Amino acid sequence: MSSATSDWVTPPTRPELIENLVSGVDRYNPSNVGILEDYLYHQIRSREYDCLANLAILKLYQFNHDLYNPDVIVNILVKALTSVPFPDFNLSIALLDERVSTANLDEPDPLPTLLPHLTSLHSLLQQCRFPAFWVFYRSDELESLRDNYTVEVVGFEDAIRDVAVRAVKATFQRIGSKRLSSYLDLEGPELEEYVAKLGWKFDASTGVIELPPNPDNQITSTIVQEDIKLPQLSKVISHAISAA
């Protein structure tokens, strides 16, 4: 198991109490939903992230419709946006139950309105259409999402920039500052400071940013050599002759 996958399954910041809930049968106990919801809001305030713990909340909502809380679901989906290219968002969507009744809600359910917007944002990130993501995210249409949800998620925009950076590192050896600016929604000194923190070299005279080499952005030839012993080759030939 790779380090990234291992951290996804068991984040190093996950408390022991949550580990016991997520790993055992207690994750199906509806009386624990409050603990998991509190942990979600801790993630929102601290930049931490725990997909499996959040999926456990959605599973409890599936089994217990009276627990349904649309604000919690929106926050889970917002956090999942920052995990691209991991499948967290789609996993969360798969656990949403369309049959949930909203009769117990004191206010109108925001999920039917916001879910298509969140899905569109996720699609843009998956397709690496970062400039389009920022345009849509900052549009008047998504004002309620920004004002009521993402504003509360500490470091949300930087976490989205991390998604873009992962894609750039895997694709480019050099990139123009204007293009990178559109990917990160940063300009001027803010962009230069961000690039410096990444350890990338910025040539102000050409406007080109050079990325350090990594296994993903380097073109290397691979020689594949198969070792077939003579007895194996003889069997293959004999089989081919008999089948003819």
C-alpha atoms as a PDB file:
ATOM      1  CA  MET A   1       0.000   0.000   0.000  1.00  0.00           C
ATOM      2  CA  SER A   2       1.409   3.382  -1.014  1.00  0.00           C
ATOM      3  CA  SER A   3       1.907   6.153   1.528  1.00  0.00           C
ATOM      4  CA  ALA A   4      -0.876   8.255  -0.019  1.00  0.00           C
ATOM      5  CA  THR A   5      -3.312   5.334   0.079  1.00  0.00           C
ATOM      6  CA  SER A   6      -2.324   4.457   3.625  1.00  0.00           C
ATOM      7  CA  ASP A   7      -2.931   8.031   4.782  1.00  0.00           C
ATOM      8  CA  TRP A   8      -6.279   7.983   3.001  1.00  0.00           C
ATOM      9  CA  VAL A   9      -7.366   4.825   4.836  1.00  0.00           C
ATOM     10  CA  THR A  10      -5.952   5.908   8.184  1.00  0.00           C
ATOM     11  CA  PRO A  11      -5.053   9.611   8.362  1.00  0.00           C
ATOM     12  CA  PRO A  12      -2.291  10.278  10.903  1.00  0.00           C
ATOM     13  CA  THR A  13      -4.478  12.978  12.487  1.00  0.00           C
ATOM     14  CA  ARG A  14      -7.397  10.599  13.181  1.00  0.00           C
ATOM     15  CA  PRO A  15      -8.080  10.354  16.953  1.00  0.00           C
ATOM     16  CA  GLU A  16      -8.191   6.930  18.585  1.00  0.00           C
ATOM     17  CA  LEU A  17     -11.902   7.324  19.367  1.00  0.00           C
ATOM     18  CA  ILE A  18     -12.719   7.898  15.705  1.00  0.00           C
ATOM     19  CA  GLU A  19     -10.443   5.032  14.654  1.00  0.00           C
ATOM     20  CA  ASN A  20     -12.400   2.680  16.910  1.00  0.00           C
ATOM     21  CA  LEU A  21     -15.702   3.921  15.463  1.00  0.00           C
ATOM     22  CA  VAL A  22     -14.614   3.701  11.824  1.00  0.00           C
ATOM     23  CA  SER A  23     -12.874   0.343  12.130  1.00  0.00           C
ATOM     24  CA  GLY A  24     -15.493  -1.500  14.182  1.00  0.00           C
ATOM     25  CA  VAL A  25     -19.182  -2.328  14.110  1.00  0.00           C
ATOM     26  CA  ASP A  26     -19.905   0.830  16.102  1.00  0.00           C
ATOM     27  CA  ARG A  27     -19.840   2.817  12.859  1.00  0.00           C
ATOM     28  CA  TYR A  28     -23.391   1.508  12.318  1.00  0.00           C
ATOM     29  CA  ASN A  29     -24.585   2.712  15.728  1.00  0.00           C
ATOM     30  CA  PRO A  30     -26.788   5.799  15.203  1.00  0.00           C
ATOM     31  CA  SER A  31     -25.996   7.071  18.692  1.00  0.00           C
ATOM     32  CA  ASN A  32     -22.450   7.818  17.472  1.00  0.00           C
ATOM     33  CA  VAL A  33     -23.479  10.129  14.641  1.00  0.00           C
ATOM     34  CA  GLY A  34     -22.985  13.217  16.839  1.00  0.00           C
ATOM     35  CA  ILE A  35     -19.369  12.240  17.513  1.00  0.00           C
ATOM     36  CA  LEU A  36     -18.677  11.808  13.803  1.00  0.00           C
ATOM     37  CA  GLU A  37     -20.410  15.093  12.935  1.00  0.00           C
ATOM     38  CA  ASP A  38     -18.343  16.929  15.555  1.00  0.00           C
ATOM     39  CA  TYR A  39     -15.238  15.369  14.015  1.00  0.00           C
ATOM     40  CA  LEU A  40     -16.303  16.647  10.587  1.00  0.00           C
ATOM     41  CA  TYR A  41     -16.532  20.202  11.921  1.00  0.00           C
ATOM     42  CA  HIS A  42     -13.140  19.736  13.543  1.00  0.00           C
ATOM     43  CA  GLN A  43     -11.800  18.879  10.068  1.00  0.00           C
ATOM     44  CA  ILE A  44     -13.403  22.044   8.704  1.00  0.00           C
ATOM     45  CA  ARG A  45     -11.726  24.205  11.327  1.00  0.00           C
ATOM     46  CA  SER A  46      -8.318  22.537  11.243  1.00  0.00           C
ATOM     47  CA  ARG A  47      -7.596  21.707   7.555  1.00  0.00           C
ATOM     48  CA  GLU A  48      -7.589  18.018   8.465  1.00  0.00           C
ATOM     49  CA  TYR A  49      -9.481  15.512   6.332  1.00  0.00           C
ATOM     50  CA  ASP A  50     -10.818  12.007   6.930  1.00  0.00           C
ATOM     51  CA  CYS A  51     -12.857  10.573   4.081  1.00  0.00           C
ATOM     52  CA  LEU A  52     -13.795   7.246   5.689  1.00  0.00           C
ATOM     53  CA  ALA A  53     -15.096   8.936   8.835  1.00  0.00           C
ATOM     54  CA  ASN A  54     -17.233  11.247   6.704  1.00  0.00           C
ATOM     55  CA  LEU A  55     -18.542   8.339   4.639  1.00  0.00           C
ATOM     56  CA  ALA A  56     -19.593   6.692   7.916  1.00  0.00           C
ATOM     57  CA  ILE A  57     -21.880   9.682   8.560  1.00  0.00           C
ATOM     58  CA  LEU A  58     -23.540   9.300   5.175  1.00  0.00           C
ATOM     59  CA  LYS A  59     -24.007   5.582   5.781  1.00  0.00           C
ATOM     60  CA  LEU A  60     -25.767   6.319   9.074  1.00  0.00           C
ATOM     61  CA  TYR A  61     -28.016   8.807   7.272  1.00  0.00           C
ATOM     62  CA  GLN A  62     -28.890   6.049   4.793  1.00  0.00           C
ATOM     63  CA  PHE A  63     -29.949   3.684   7.550  1.00  0.00           C
ATOM     64  CA  ASN A  64     -31.575   6.324   9.769  1.00  0.00           C
ATOM     65  CA  HIS A  65     -33.506   8.947   7.816  1.00  0.00           C
ATOM     66  CA  ASP A  66     -34.379  10.893  10.951  1.00  0.00           C
ATOM     67  CA  LEU A  67     -30.672  11.788  11.359  1.00  0.00           C
ATOM     68  CA  TYR A  68     -30.543  13.553   7.981  1.00  0.00           C
ATOM     69  CA  ASN A  69     -28.714  16.885   8.109  1.00  0.00           C
ATOM     70  CA  PRO A  70     -28.213  18.581   4.725  1.00  0.00           C
ATOM     71  CA  ASP A  71     -25.647  21.064   6.072  1.00  0.00           C
ATOM     72  CA  VAL A  72     -23.451  18.163   7.140  1.00  0.00           C
ATOM     73  CA  ILE A  73     -23.786  16.570   3.707  1.00  0.00           C
ATOM     74  CA  VAL A  74     -22.836  19.792   1.920  1.00  0.00           C
ATOM     75  CA  ASN A  75     -19.774  20.168   4.139  1.00  0.00           C
ATOM     76  CA  ILE A  76     -18.739  16.571   3.454  1.00  0.00           C
ATOM     77  CA  LEU A  77     -18.985  17.197  -0.295  1.00  0.00           C
ATOM     78  CA  VAL A  78     -17.074  20.488  -0.021  1.00  0.00           C
ATOM     79  CA  LYS A  79     -14.245  18.737   1.803  1.00  0.00           C
ATOM     80  CA  ALA A  80     -14.306  15.927  -0.765  1.00  0.00           C
ATOM     81  CA  LEU A  81     -13.699  18.447  -3.568  1.00  0.00           C
ATOM     82  CA  THR A  82     -10.231  19.057  -2.147  1.00  0.00           C
ATOM     83  CA  SER A  83      -9.269  15.376  -2.496  1.00  0.00           C
ATOM     84  CA  VAL A  84      -9.298  15.190  -6.312  1.00  0.00           C
ATOM     85  CA  PRO A  85      -8.079  12.981  -8.017  1.00  0.00           C
ATOM     86  CA  PHE A  86      -9.080  10.554  -5.249  1.00  0.00           C
ATOM     87  CA  PRO A  87     -12.664   9.220  -5.660  1.00  0.00           C
ATOM     88  CA  ASP A  88     -13.975  10.701  -2.400  1.00  0.00           C
ATOM     89  CA  PHE A  89     -16.619  12.921  -3.990  1.00  0.00           C
ATOM     90  CA  ASN A  90     -18.138  10.114  -6.068  1.00  0.00           C
ATOM     91  CA  LEU A  91     -18.068   7.769  -3.075  1.00  0.00           C
ATOM     92  CA  SER A  92     -19.982  10.362  -1.080  1.00  0.00           C
ATOM     93  CA  ILE A  93     -22.521  10.927  -3.845  1.00  0.00           C
ATOM     94  CA  ALA A  94     -23.125   7.173  -4.062  1.00  0.00           C
ATOM     95  CA  LEU A  95     -24.246   7.125  -0.423  1.00  0.00           C
ATOM     96  CA  LEU A  96     -26.816   9.897  -0.752  1.00  0.00           C
ATOM     97  CA  ASP A  97     -30.338   8.577  -0.407  1.00  0.00           C
ATOM     98  CA  GLU A  98     -32.864  10.288  -2.664  1.00  0.00           C
ATOM     99  CA  ARG A  99     -35.699   8.973  -0.515  1.00  0.00           C
ATOM    100  CA  VAL A 100     -34.705  11.019   2.542  1.00  0.00           C
ATOM    101  CA  SER A 101     -37.616  12.979   3.937  1.00  0.00           C
ATOM    102  CA  THR A 102     -37.073  16.648   4.758  1.00  0.00           C
ATOM    103  CA  ALA A 103     -40.203  16.897   6.888  1.00  0.00           C
ATOM    104  CA  ASN A 104     -38.121  17.206  10.054  1.00  0.00           C
ATOM    105  CA  LEU A 105     -36.184  20.252   8.805  1.00  0.00           C
ATOM    106  CA  ASP A 106     -36.889  23.705  10.256  1.00  0.00           C
ATOM    107  CA  GLU A 107     -35.558  25.453   7.143  1.00  0.00           C
ATOM    108  CA  PRO A 108     -35.630  24.734   3.390  1.00  0.00           C
ATOM    109  CA  ASP A 109     -33.243  21.973   2.334  1.00  0.00           C
ATOM    110  CA  PRO A 110     -30.230  23.543   0.556  1.00  0.00           C
ATOM    111  CA  LEU A 111     -28.974  20.249  -0.878  1.00  0.00           C
ATOM    112  CA  PRO A 112     -31.194  19.985  -3.996  1.00  0.00           C
ATOM    113  CA  THR A 113     -29.975  23.413  -5.121  1.00  0.00           C
ATOM    114  CA  LEU A 114     -26.306  23.028  -4.191  1.00  0.00           C
ATOM    115  CA  LEU A 115     -25.735  19.426  -5.249  1.00  0.00           C
ATOM    116  CA  PRO A 116     -25.720  20.134  -9.018  1.00  0.00           C
ATOM    117  CA  HIS A 117     -23.307  23.034  -8.439  1.00  0.00           C
ATOM    118  CA  LEU A 118     -20.971  20.910  -6.340  1.00  0.00           C
ATOM    119  CA  THR A 119     -21.096  18.160  -8.959  1.00  0.00           C
ATOM    120  CA  SER A 120     -20.174  20.671 -11.668  1.00  0.00           C
ATOM    121  CA  LEU A 121     -17.254  21.957  -9.591  1.00  0.00           C
ATOM    122  CA  HIS A 122     -16.031  18.415  -9.082  1.00  0.00           C
ATOM    123  CA  SER A 123     -16.286  17.685 -12.799  1.00  0.00           C
ATOM    124  CA  LEU A 124     -14.210  20.761 -13.639  1.00  0.00           C
ATOM    125  CA  LEU A 125     -11.505  19.686 -11.191  1.00  0.00           C
ATOM    126  CA  GLN A 126     -11.498  16.126 -12.518  1.00  0.00           C
ATOM    127  CA  GLN A 127     -11.040  17.478 -16.037  1.00  0.00           C
ATOM    128  CA  CYS A 128      -8.274  19.846 -14.856  1.00  0.00           C
ATOM    129  CA  ARG A 129     -10.296  22.806 -16.118  1.00  0.00           C
ATOM    130  CA  PHE A 130      -9.020  25.002 -13.318  1.00  0.00           C
ATOM    131  CA  PRO A 131      -9.680  28.448 -14.868  1.00  0.00           C
ATOM    132  CA  ALA A 132     -13.301  27.431 -15.490  1.00  0.00           C
ATOM    133  CA  PHE A 133     -13.523  26.140 -11.929  1.00  0.00           C
ATOM    134  CA  TRP A 134     -12.524  29.505 -10.463  1.00  0.00           C
ATOM    135  CA  VAL A 135     -14.863  31.435 -12.749  1.00  0.00           C
ATOM    136  CA  PHE A 136     -17.814  29.257 -11.762  1.00  0.00           C
ATOM    137  CA  TYR A 137     -16.847  29.160  -8.088  1.00  0.00           C
ATOM    138  CA  ARG A 138     -16.722  32.967  -7.889  1.00  0.00           C
ATOM    139  CA  SER A 139     -19.939  33.469  -9.880  1.00  0.00           C
ATOM    140  CA  ASP A 140     -23.099  35.010  -8.402  1.00  0.00           C
ATOM    141  CA  GLU A 141     -24.776  31.635  -8.844  1.00  0.00           C
ATOM    142  CA  LEU A 142     -22.556  30.133  -6.145  1.00  0.00           C
ATOM    143  CA  GLU A 143     -22.757  33.025  -3.700  1.00  0.00           C
ATOM    144  CA  SER A 144     -24.759  30.979  -1.185  1.00  0.00           C
ATOM    145  CA  LEU A 145     -22.196  28.171  -1.309  1.00  0.00           C
ATOM    146  CA  ARG A 146     -19.361  30.610  -0.599  1.00  0.00           C
ATOM    147  CA  ASP A 147     -21.184  32.626   2.045  1.00  0.00           C
ATOM    148  CA  ASN A 148     -22.672  29.709   3.977  1.00  0.00           C
ATOM    149  CA  TYR A 149     -20.195  26.874   3.519  1.00  0.00           C
ATOM    150  CA  THR A 150     -16.764  27.282   1.949  1.00  0.00           C
ATOM    151  CA  VAL A 151     -16.106  30.458   3.955  1.00  0.00           C
ATOM    152  CA  GLU A 152     -16.183  28.246   7.057  1.00  0.00           C
ATOM    153  CA  VAL A 153     -13.776  25.656   5.629  1.00  0.00           C
ATOM    154  CA  VAL A 154     -10.340  26.822   6.708  1.00  0.00           C
ATOM    155  CA  GLY A 155      -7.917  26.800   3.787  1.00  0.00           C
ATOM    156  CA  PHE A 156     -10.501  25.687   1.219  1.00  0.00           C
ATOM    157  CA  GLU A 157      -9.131  27.748  -1.673  1.00  0.00           C
ATOM    158  CA  ASP A 158      -5.546  26.752  -0.926  1.00  0.00           C
ATOM    159  CA  ALA A 159      -6.656  23.110  -0.828  1.00  0.00           C
ATOM    160  CA  ILE A 160      -8.138  23.541  -4.321  1.00  0.00           C
ATOM    161  CA  ARG A 161      -4.846  25.095  -5.425  1.00  0.00           C
ATOM    162  CA  ASP A 162      -3.129  21.966  -4.104  1.00  0.00           C
ATOM    163  CA  VAL A 163      -5.307  19.954  -6.508  1.00  0.00           C
ATOM    164  CA  ALA A 164      -4.118  22.141  -9.392  1.00  0.00           C
ATOM    165  CA  VAL A 165      -0.496  21.908  -8.252  1.00  0.00           C
ATOM    166  CA  ARG A 166      -0.652  18.106  -8.227  1.00  0.00           C
ATOM    167  CA  ALA A 167      -1.852  18.157 -11.830  1.00  0.00           C
ATOM    168  CA  VAL A 168       0.783  20.697 -12.912  1.00  0.00           C
ATOM    169  CA  LYS A 169       3.607  18.732 -11.263  1.00  0.00           C
ATOM    170  CA  ALA A 170       2.506  15.602 -13.094  1.00  0.00           C
ATOM    171  CA  THR A 171       2.283  17.334 -16.466  1.00  0.00           C
ATOM    172  CA  PHE A 172       4.752  20.190 -16.850  1.00  0.00           C
ATOM    173  CA  GLN A 173       8.477  20.746 -16.697  1.00  0.00           C
ATOM    174  CA  ARG A 174       7.931  24.429 -17.514  1.00  0.00           C
ATOM    175  CA  ILE A 175       4.784  26.515 -17.453  1.00  0.00           C
ATOM    176  CA  GLY A 176       4.013  30.139 -18.268  1.00  0.00           C
ATOM    177  CA  SER A 177       3.145  32.386 -15.364  1.00  0.00           C
ATOM    178  CA  LYS A 178      -0.101  33.523 -17.035  1.00  0.00           C
ATOM    179  CA  ARG A 179      -1.300  29.959 -17.403  1.00  0.00           C
ATOM    180  CA  LEU A 180      -0.345  29.065 -13.845  1.00  0.00           C
ATOM    181  CA  SER A 181      -2.029  32.248 -12.627  1.00  0.00           C
ATOM    182  CA  SER A 182      -5.299  31.104 -14.218  1.00  0.00           C
ATOM    183  CA  TYR A 183      -4.919  27.653 -12.642  1.00  0.00           C
ATOM    184  CA  LEU A 184      -4.324  29.018  -9.136  1.00  0.00           C
ATOM    185  CA  ASP A 185      -6.444  32.178  -9.268  1.00  0.00           C
ATOM    186  CA  LEU A 186      -3.446  34.178  -8.069  1.00  0.00           C
ATOM    187  CA  GLU A 187      -1.684  37.142  -9.642  1.00  0.00           C
ATOM    188  CA  GLY A 188       1.399  39.322  -9.200  1.00  0.00           C
ATOM    189  CA  PRO A 189       3.203  39.137  -5.845  1.00  0.00           C
ATOM    190  CA  GLU A 190       0.737  36.533  -4.519  1.00  0.00           C
ATOM    191  CA  LEU A 191       1.585  34.200  -7.381  1.00  0.00           C
ATOM    192  CA  GLU A 192       5.333  34.791  -7.023  1.00  0.00           C
ATOM    193  CA  GLU A 193       5.155  34.102  -3.282  1.00  0.00           C
ATOM    194  CA  TYR A 194       3.154  30.929  -3.858  1.00  0.00           C
ATOM    195  CA  VAL A 195       5.631  29.693  -6.489  1.00  0.00           C
ATOM    196  CA  ALA A 196       8.540  30.429  -4.161  1.00  0.00           C
ATOM    197  CA  LYS A 197       6.938  28.359  -1.397  1.00  0.00           C
ATOM    198  CA  LEU A 198       6.646  25.449  -3.821  1.00  0.00           C
ATOM    199  CA  GLY A 199      10.351  25.688  -4.560  1.00  0.00           C
ATOM    200  CA  TRP A 200       9.769  26.359  -8.262  1.00  0.00           C
ATOM    201  CA  LYS A 201      12.020  28.735 -10.207  1.00  0.00           C
ATOM    202  CA  PHE A 202      10.392  31.829 -11.705  1.00  0.00           C
ATOM    203  CA  ASP A 203      12.169  33.699 -14.501  1.00  0.00           C
ATOM    204  CA  ALA A 204      10.621  37.168 -14.424  1.00  0.00           C
ATOM    205  CA  SER A 205      12.237  38.134 -17.747  1.00  0.00           C
ATOM    206  CA  THR A 206      10.517  35.329 -19.682  1.00  0.00           C
ATOM    207  CA  GLY A 207       7.520  34.710 -17.436  1.00  0.00           C
ATOM    208  CA  VAL A 208       8.367  31.021 -17.375  1.00  0.00           C
ATOM    209  CA  ILE A 209       8.251  28.877 -14.253  1.00  0.00           C
ATOM    210  CA  GLU A 210      10.488  25.813 -14.090  1.00  0.00           C
ATOM    211  CA  LEU A 211       9.433  22.802 -12.053  1.00  0.00           C
ATOM    212  CA  PRO A 212      11.852  20.378 -10.396  1.00  0.00           C
ATOM    213  CA  PRO A 213      12.023  16.968 -12.092  1.00  0.00           C
ATOM    214  CA  ASN A 214       9.837  14.230 -10.676  1.00  0.00           C
ATOM    215  CA  PRO A 215       8.876  10.729 -11.891  1.00  0.00           C
ATOM    216  CA  ASP A 216       5.661  12.032 -13.467  1.00  0.00           C
ATOM    217  CA  ASN A 217       6.993  14.934 -15.544  1.00  0.00           C
ATOM    218  CA  GLN A 218      10.068  13.157 -16.899  1.00  0.00           C
ATOM    219  CA  ILE A 219       9.981  11.205 -20.158  1.00  0.00           C
ATOM    220  CA  THR A 220      11.964   8.010 -19.714  1.00  0.00           C
ATOM    221  CA  SER A 221      12.234   4.990 -21.951  1.00  0.00           C
ATOM    222  CA  THR A 222      11.383   1.610 -20.505  1.00  0.00           C
ATOM    223  CA  ILE A 223      12.787  -1.648 -21.831  1.00  0.00           C
ATOM    224  CA  VAL A 224      10.519  -4.634 -21.303  1.00  0.00           C
ATOM    225  CA  GLN A 225      12.320  -7.934 -21.587  1.00  0.00           C
ATOM    226  CA  GLU A 226      10.557 -11.274 -21.343  1.00  0.00           C
ATOM    227  CA  ASP A 227      12.526 -14.358 -20.435  1.00  0.00           C
ATOM    228  CA  ILE A 228      11.036 -17.389 -22.212  1.00  0.00           C
ATOM    229  CA  LYS A 229      12.945 -20.609 -21.724  1.00  0.00           C
ATOM    230  CA  LEU A 230      13.316 -23.129 -24.556  1.00  0.00           C
ATOM    231  CA  PRO A 231      10.974 -25.779 -23.069  1.00  0.00           C
ATOM    232  CA  GLN A 232       8.235 -23.126 -22.723  1.00  0.00           C
ATOM    233  CA  LEU A 233       8.755 -22.017 -26.338  1.00  0.00           C
ATOM    234  CA  SER A 234       8.565 -25.622 -27.538  1.00  0.00           C
ATOM    235  CA  LYS A 235       5.202 -26.068 -25.791  1.00  0.00           C
ATOM    236  CA  VAL A 236       3.851 -22.891 -27.414  1.00  0.00           C
ATOM    237  CA  ILE A 237       4.956 -24.070 -30.888  1.00  0.00           C
ATOM    238  CA  SER A 238       3.528 -27.550 -30.358  1.00  0.00           C
ATOM    239  CA  HIS A 239       0.215 -26.092 -29.210  1.00  0.00           C
ATOM    240  CA  ALA A 240       0.065 -23.801 -32.235  1.00  0.00           C
ATOM    241  CA  ILE A 241       0.769 -26.715 -34.620  1.00  0.00           C
ATOM    242  CA  SER A 242      -1.850 -28.974 -33.057  1.00  0.00           C
ATOM    243  CA  ALA A 243      -4.461 -26.220 -33.162  1.00  0.00           C
ATOM    244  CA  ALA A 244      -3.826 -25.507 -36.858  1.00  0.00           C
END
